[in-house]
Protein backbone atom coordinates (compact mmCIF):
# COMPACT_ATOMS: atom_id res chain seq x y z
CA UNK A 1 108.19 -19.78 177.66
CA UNK A 2 107.42 -18.64 174.43
CA UNK A 3 103.67 -18.08 175.79
CA UNK A 4 105.11 -15.98 178.14
CA UNK A 5 106.77 -14.27 175.21
CA UNK A 6 103.49 -13.84 172.73
CA UNK A 7 101.80 -12.66 175.74
CA UNK A 8 103.62 -9.98 176.44
CA UNK A 9 104.52 -8.78 172.50
CA UNK A 10 100.30 -8.30 171.92
CA UNK A 11 99.94 -6.22 175.48
CA UNK A 12 102.10 -3.77 174.59
CA UNK A 13 100.96 -3.69 171.28
CA UNK A 14 97.48 -3.07 173.10
CA UNK A 15 98.93 -0.10 176.07
CA UNK A 16 100.49 1.37 172.80
CA UNK A 17 97.04 1.58 170.62
CA UNK A 18 95.34 2.62 174.12
CA UNK A 19 97.94 5.41 174.41
CA UNK A 20 97.61 6.63 170.96
CA UNK A 21 93.89 6.66 171.23
CA UNK A 22 94.05 9.28 174.42
CA UNK A 23 96.47 11.26 173.21
CA UNK A 24 93.80 11.53 169.98
CA UNK A 25 91.12 11.73 172.56
CA UNK A 26 92.53 14.61 174.24
CA UNK A 27 93.69 16.59 171.10
CA UNK A 28 90.63 16.80 170.13
CA UNK A 29 88.86 18.48 173.01
CA UNK A 30 91.23 21.28 172.61
CA UNK A 31 90.05 23.10 170.24
CA UNK A 32 91.92 26.17 168.25
CA UNK A 33 90.76 29.56 167.49
CA UNK A 34 89.95 30.10 164.44
CA UNK A 35 87.43 32.65 162.10
CA UNK A 36 84.87 30.61 162.09
CA UNK A 37 84.44 31.45 165.38
CA UNK A 38 83.87 34.88 164.75
CA UNK A 39 81.75 34.01 161.83
CA UNK A 40 79.07 32.33 163.76
CA UNK A 41 78.80 35.09 165.70
CA UNK A 42 77.77 37.21 162.94
CA UNK A 43 74.81 35.10 161.72
CA UNK A 44 72.93 35.38 164.60
CA UNK A 45 71.37 38.58 163.25
CA UNK A 46 70.87 40.27 159.57
CA UNK A 47 71.94 43.97 160.66
CA UNK A 48 75.41 44.82 159.28
CA UNK A 49 77.14 48.13 159.24
CA UNK A 50 80.19 49.09 156.99
CA UNK A 51 83.28 49.88 159.06
CA UNK A 52 85.73 48.06 161.57
CA UNK A 53 85.30 45.92 164.66
CA UNK A 54 87.73 43.77 166.57
CA UNK A 55 87.05 42.20 169.93
CA UNK A 56 88.39 38.83 172.22
CA UNK A 57 87.99 35.65 172.92
CA UNK A 58 87.88 36.54 176.75
CA UNK A 59 89.00 33.91 179.30
CA UNK A 60 88.46 31.08 177.07
CA UNK A 61 91.51 32.40 174.29
CA UNK A 62 93.05 34.90 176.16
CA UNK A 63 96.12 35.79 173.73
CA UNK A 64 93.56 35.69 170.91
CA UNK A 65 92.21 38.70 169.23
CA UNK A 66 90.15 39.78 165.99
CA UNK A 67 89.48 41.91 163.72
CA UNK A 68 86.39 42.78 161.01
CA UNK A 69 86.17 44.70 157.77
CA UNK A 70 82.77 45.41 156.72
CA UNK A 71 81.37 46.73 153.24
CA UNK A 72 78.51 46.98 151.61
CA UNK A 73 79.06 45.21 148.16
CA UNK A 74 76.87 46.93 145.10
CA UNK A 75 75.11 44.21 144.23
CA UNK A 76 71.27 42.31 145.62
CA UNK A 77 72.19 43.62 148.91
CA UNK A 78 75.43 41.26 149.71
CA UNK A 79 78.17 42.63 152.22
CA UNK A 80 81.45 41.36 152.41
CA UNK A 81 83.04 40.38 155.71
CA UNK A 82 86.59 40.23 156.13
CA UNK A 83 87.69 38.41 159.15
CA UNK A 84 91.54 38.68 160.99
CA UNK A 85 91.97 36.37 163.85
CA UNK A 86 95.53 37.35 165.72
CA UNK A 87 97.84 35.69 168.52
CA UNK A 88 99.24 38.17 170.76
CA UNK A 89 102.94 38.47 169.89
CA UNK A 90 102.89 36.49 166.57
CA UNK A 91 104.16 38.64 163.13
CA UNK A 92 101.24 36.60 161.12
CA UNK A 93 97.02 35.98 161.40
CA UNK A 94 96.41 32.69 162.84
CA UNK A 95 93.80 32.53 160.52
CA UNK A 96 91.72 34.98 158.04
CA UNK A 97 88.43 34.06 156.43
CA UNK A 98 86.47 36.28 153.56
CA UNK A 99 82.56 35.56 154.36
CA UNK A 100 79.23 36.94 152.16
CA UNK A 101 76.40 38.28 154.07
CA UNK A 102 72.67 38.65 152.68
CA UNK A 103 71.09 41.62 154.51
CA UNK A 104 67.41 42.28 153.56
CA UNK A 105 68.01 45.53 154.94
CA UNK A 106 70.51 47.05 152.94
CA UNK A 107 70.22 49.56 150.64
CA UNK A 108 70.79 47.91 147.29
CA UNK A 109 67.71 47.37 145.03
CA UNK A 110 66.35 43.75 143.90
CA UNK A 111 68.12 43.90 141.07
CA UNK A 112 71.83 45.07 142.15
CA UNK A 113 71.46 49.03 141.68
CA UNK A 114 70.62 51.14 144.59
CA UNK A 115 67.44 52.12 145.85
CA UNK A 116 66.92 55.80 145.48
C-alpha cells in the first residue's frame, strides 16, 4: 500500500511536469506581433524615402496593422524610422520602435553636412 502511494505521487508529479512543458511549448509556437517584424523588412534594401507608409500583416495576423514615419537626419546619411504596430479596436499601440538606418545614397555628406 505504501509502495502504491509513492508510485501515484511520483506519477502525478511527472504528469504535472509534462503538462507544464506542453503548455510552454505551445506558447512558444505562437509568436506575438512586434515592431521588429516591420524593421526586419527595412534592412532588405538601403533605399529609404522621407514620409510615411502603412500596411498590414496579411492573413498571418489579420487584426494588426503597422505604420512607419521615415525622416532623414542631418548627419552622416542616417535615417530615423519610427514604427508603430496597432491592433484593430485597441486604443494604445501594441508595440513601437525607433530605428536608425544608414543609407549610402542619402544626401548628407561624409562629415555631416549636406552635399552640394
